[in-house]
Amino acid sequence: MATKKIVAGATLHVPHKDFKPYDFDTMGNRSGGNYKIVEFAPGDVLDLDADEADALIALGRATLFEEKKAPEIQAPAGDGKAK
C-alpha cells in the first residue's frame, strides 16, 4: 500500500487503527464495534493512502507535503591546520 504525506487544509477526521464499524442486533441496539477517530488540525502533516490523499488534494482539502533539505554547511577555506 503506497502512502503520501499531505498537509491538511481543513480539520480531518481519520479512523484510528483500532477502528471497527458498529455492529447492530436485530432490535437495532449496538452490539459491538469500536468507533475511534483521530483529528488532524489544519497545517498538520499526515501519511495517508495514496488514493485517499489524491482525492483530498483534488477537493482542495489538502496539499502535497514537500520536505525541504537542510542547507549543507561548507567547511572554511584553507588546509584546516591551525597556525
N, C-alpha and C. Protein backbone atom coordinates (compact mmCIF):
# COMPACT_ATOMS: atom_id res chain seq x y z
N MET A 1 0.85 -1.17 0.00
CA MET A 1 0.00 0.00 0.00
C MET A 1 0.90 1.24 0.00
N ALA A 2 0.77 2.05 -1.02
CA ALA A 2 1.56 3.26 -1.13
C ALA A 2 0.91 4.37 -0.30
N THR A 3 1.75 5.17 0.33
CA THR A 3 1.24 6.30 1.11
C THR A 3 1.85 7.59 0.59
N LYS A 4 1.18 8.69 0.92
CA LYS A 4 1.68 10.01 0.58
C LYS A 4 1.57 10.88 1.83
N LYS A 5 2.53 11.80 1.95
CA LYS A 5 2.47 12.78 3.03
C LYS A 5 1.73 14.00 2.51
N ILE A 6 0.72 14.42 3.27
CA ILE A 6 -0.03 15.61 2.89
C ILE A 6 -0.11 16.56 4.06
N VAL A 7 -0.43 17.82 3.76
CA VAL A 7 -0.67 18.83 4.78
C VAL A 7 -2.17 19.10 4.77
N ALA A 8 -2.82 18.90 5.90
CA ALA A 8 -4.26 19.10 5.99
C ALA A 8 -4.59 20.58 5.80
N GLY A 9 -5.57 20.85 4.93
CA GLY A 9 -6.02 22.21 4.70
C GLY A 9 -7.28 22.52 5.49
N ALA A 10 -7.89 21.50 6.04
CA ALA A 10 -9.08 21.63 6.88
C ALA A 10 -8.97 20.56 7.96
N THR A 11 -9.82 20.63 8.97
CA THR A 11 -9.80 19.61 10.01
C THR A 11 -10.22 18.27 9.40
N LEU A 12 -9.38 17.26 9.56
CA LEU A 12 -9.65 15.93 9.02
C LEU A 12 -9.89 14.95 10.16
N HIS A 13 -10.90 14.10 9.99
CA HIS A 13 -11.18 13.03 10.95
C HIS A 13 -10.83 11.71 10.27
N VAL A 14 -9.81 11.05 10.77
CA VAL A 14 -9.29 9.82 10.18
C VAL A 14 -9.55 8.67 11.16
N PRO A 15 -10.04 7.52 10.66
CA PRO A 15 -10.26 6.38 11.56
C PRO A 15 -8.97 5.96 12.27
N HIS A 16 -9.08 5.68 13.56
CA HIS A 16 -7.96 5.19 14.37
C HIS A 16 -7.63 3.78 13.93
N LYS A 17 -6.41 3.31 14.21
CA LYS A 17 -6.03 1.96 13.79
C LYS A 17 -6.86 0.88 14.46
N ASP A 18 -7.49 1.17 15.61
CA ASP A 18 -8.35 0.20 16.29
C ASP A 18 -9.81 0.33 15.90
N PHE A 19 -10.12 1.14 14.90
CA PHE A 19 -11.50 1.39 14.48
C PHE A 19 -12.15 0.13 13.93
N LYS A 20 -13.36 -0.15 14.41
CA LYS A 20 -14.20 -1.22 13.85
C LYS A 20 -15.60 -0.65 13.75
N PRO A 21 -16.26 -0.79 12.61
CA PRO A 21 -17.63 -0.28 12.50
C PRO A 21 -18.54 -0.93 13.53
N TYR A 22 -19.58 -0.20 13.94
CA TYR A 22 -20.53 -0.74 14.90
C TYR A 22 -21.30 -1.91 14.30
N ASP A 23 -21.59 -2.88 15.13
CA ASP A 23 -22.48 -3.99 14.78
C ASP A 23 -23.79 -3.76 15.51
N PHE A 24 -24.89 -4.10 14.87
CA PHE A 24 -26.21 -3.92 15.47
C PHE A 24 -26.95 -5.24 15.49
N ASP A 25 -27.72 -5.45 16.54
CA ASP A 25 -28.52 -6.67 16.61
C ASP A 25 -29.85 -6.43 15.88
N THR A 26 -30.73 -7.42 15.92
CA THR A 26 -31.99 -7.34 15.18
C THR A 26 -32.93 -6.27 15.74
N MET A 27 -32.72 -5.85 16.97
CA MET A 27 -33.56 -4.81 17.58
C MET A 27 -32.99 -3.41 17.35
N GLY A 28 -31.84 -3.32 16.67
CA GLY A 28 -31.24 -2.02 16.40
C GLY A 28 -30.31 -1.54 17.50
N ASN A 29 -30.04 -2.37 18.48
CA ASN A 29 -29.11 -2.00 19.55
C ASN A 29 -27.68 -2.26 19.10
N ARG A 30 -26.79 -1.43 19.54
CA ARG A 30 -25.38 -1.62 19.19
C ARG A 30 -24.83 -2.82 19.98
N SER A 31 -24.23 -3.76 19.24
CA SER A 31 -23.75 -4.97 19.91
C SER A 31 -22.24 -5.12 19.82
N GLY A 32 -21.56 -4.23 19.16
CA GLY A 32 -20.12 -4.36 19.06
C GLY A 32 -19.54 -3.24 18.23
N GLY A 33 -18.25 -3.23 18.14
CA GLY A 33 -17.57 -2.21 17.36
C GLY A 33 -16.77 -1.27 18.25
N ASN A 34 -15.88 -0.55 17.64
CA ASN A 34 -15.02 0.36 18.38
C ASN A 34 -14.83 1.60 17.51
N TYR A 35 -15.60 2.64 17.79
CA TYR A 35 -15.57 3.84 16.96
C TYR A 35 -14.56 4.82 17.54
N LYS A 36 -13.38 4.86 16.93
CA LYS A 36 -12.33 5.79 17.35
C LYS A 36 -11.84 6.54 16.13
N ILE A 37 -11.67 7.84 16.28
CA ILE A 37 -11.11 8.64 15.20
C ILE A 37 -9.96 9.48 15.73
N VAL A 38 -9.12 9.94 14.82
CA VAL A 38 -8.02 10.84 15.15
C VAL A 38 -8.30 12.13 14.38
N GLU A 39 -8.23 13.25 15.09
CA GLU A 39 -8.50 14.54 14.47
C GLU A 39 -7.18 15.24 14.14
N PHE A 40 -7.06 15.69 12.89
CA PHE A 40 -5.89 16.44 12.45
C PHE A 40 -6.31 17.87 12.15
N ALA A 41 -5.63 18.82 12.77
CA ALA A 41 -5.94 20.23 12.58
C ALA A 41 -5.34 20.73 11.27
N PRO A 42 -5.85 21.84 10.73
CA PRO A 42 -5.25 22.40 9.52
C PRO A 42 -3.77 22.70 9.74
N GLY A 43 -2.94 22.31 8.79
CA GLY A 43 -1.50 22.50 8.88
C GLY A 43 -0.74 21.29 9.37
N ASP A 44 -1.46 20.29 9.89
CA ASP A 44 -0.80 19.06 10.34
C ASP A 44 -0.35 18.23 9.14
N VAL A 45 0.78 17.54 9.30
CA VAL A 45 1.30 16.65 8.27
C VAL A 45 0.92 15.23 8.64
N LEU A 46 0.35 14.48 7.67
CA LEU A 46 -0.03 13.11 7.97
C LEU A 46 0.20 12.22 6.76
N ASP A 47 0.39 10.92 7.03
CA ASP A 47 0.56 9.91 5.98
C ASP A 47 -0.79 9.28 5.73
N LEU A 48 -1.21 9.28 4.48
CA LEU A 48 -2.46 8.63 4.09
C LEU A 48 -2.22 7.73 2.89
N ASP A 49 -3.16 6.83 2.67
CA ASP A 49 -3.15 6.00 1.48
C ASP A 49 -3.11 6.94 0.26
N ALA A 50 -2.36 6.58 -0.76
CA ALA A 50 -2.14 7.46 -1.91
C ALA A 50 -3.45 7.85 -2.59
N ASP A 51 -4.40 6.91 -2.72
CA ASP A 51 -5.68 7.23 -3.37
C ASP A 51 -6.48 8.23 -2.54
N GLU A 52 -6.51 8.05 -1.22
CA GLU A 52 -7.23 8.98 -0.35
C GLU A 52 -6.57 10.36 -0.37
N ALA A 53 -5.23 10.37 -0.37
CA ALA A 53 -4.50 11.64 -0.41
C ALA A 53 -4.79 12.38 -1.71
N ASP A 54 -4.78 11.66 -2.83
CA ASP A 54 -5.08 12.28 -4.12
C ASP A 54 -6.48 12.86 -4.16
N ALA A 55 -7.44 12.16 -3.57
CA ALA A 55 -8.82 12.64 -3.53
C ALA A 55 -8.93 13.93 -2.71
N LEU A 56 -8.25 13.98 -1.57
CA LEU A 56 -8.28 15.19 -0.74
C LEU A 56 -7.60 16.36 -1.44
N ILE A 57 -6.50 16.09 -2.14
CA ILE A 57 -5.80 17.14 -2.88
C ILE A 57 -6.69 17.66 -4.00
N ALA A 58 -7.39 16.77 -4.70
CA ALA A 58 -8.29 17.17 -5.79
C ALA A 58 -9.44 18.03 -5.28
N LEU A 59 -9.92 17.75 -4.06
CA LEU A 59 -11.01 18.53 -3.48
C LEU A 59 -10.53 19.85 -2.89
N GLY A 60 -9.22 20.03 -2.78
CA GLY A 60 -8.68 21.25 -2.20
C GLY A 60 -8.64 21.23 -0.68
N ARG A 61 -8.78 20.05 -0.08
CA ARG A 61 -8.76 19.92 1.38
C ARG A 61 -7.37 19.66 1.93
N ALA A 62 -6.39 19.45 1.03
CA ALA A 62 -5.02 19.15 1.46
C ALA A 62 -4.07 19.51 0.33
N THR A 63 -2.79 19.63 0.69
CA THR A 63 -1.74 19.84 -0.29
C THR A 63 -0.65 18.80 -0.06
N LEU A 64 0.10 18.51 -1.10
CA LEU A 64 1.17 17.53 -1.00
C LEU A 64 2.30 18.11 -0.16
N PHE A 65 2.82 17.32 0.77
CA PHE A 65 3.92 17.76 1.63
C PHE A 65 5.24 17.58 0.92
N GLU A 66 6.03 18.62 0.88
CA GLU A 66 7.35 18.56 0.26
C GLU A 66 8.39 18.86 1.33
N GLU A 67 9.27 17.89 1.56
CA GLU A 67 10.32 18.08 2.56
C GLU A 67 11.41 18.96 1.98
N LYS A 68 11.85 19.91 2.78
CA LYS A 68 12.93 20.78 2.35
C LYS A 68 14.23 20.27 2.97
N LYS A 69 15.24 20.19 2.14
CA LYS A 69 16.54 19.72 2.62
C LYS A 69 17.22 20.84 3.39
N ALA A 70 17.91 20.45 4.43
CA ALA A 70 18.68 21.42 5.20
C ALA A 70 19.88 21.86 4.36
N PRO A 71 20.24 23.12 4.44
CA PRO A 71 21.40 23.56 3.66
C PRO A 71 22.68 22.88 4.15
N GLU A 72 23.55 22.57 3.21
CA GLU A 72 24.81 21.94 3.58
C GLU A 72 25.75 22.99 4.14
N ILE A 73 26.47 22.62 5.17
CA ILE A 73 27.43 23.54 5.80
C ILE A 73 28.77 23.35 5.12
N GLN A 74 29.29 24.41 4.60
CA GLN A 74 30.58 24.36 3.91
C GLN A 74 31.73 24.53 4.91
N ALA A 75 32.76 23.75 4.73
CA ALA A 75 33.96 23.87 5.57
C ALA A 75 34.69 25.15 5.19
N PRO A 76 35.31 25.82 6.13
CA PRO A 76 36.05 27.03 5.78
C PRO A 76 37.20 26.72 4.83
N ALA A 77 37.53 27.69 3.99
CA ALA A 77 38.62 27.50 3.04
C ALA A 77 39.95 27.39 3.78
N GLY A 78 40.88 26.68 3.22
CA GLY A 78 42.20 26.50 3.85
C GLY A 78 42.50 25.03 4.02
N ASP A 79 43.65 24.76 4.62
CA ASP A 79 44.06 23.37 4.78
C ASP A 79 43.55 22.76 6.09
N GLY A 80 42.91 23.57 6.94
CA GLY A 80 42.35 23.06 8.18
C GLY A 80 43.36 22.96 9.31
N LYS A 81 44.60 23.45 9.10
CA LYS A 81 45.61 23.39 10.16
C LYS A 81 45.70 24.76 10.84
N ALA A 82 45.78 24.75 12.14
CA ALA A 82 45.91 26.00 12.89
C ALA A 82 47.32 26.52 12.78
N LYS A 83 47.48 27.82 12.74
CA LYS A 83 48.82 28.42 12.64
C LYS A 83 49.27 28.96 13.97
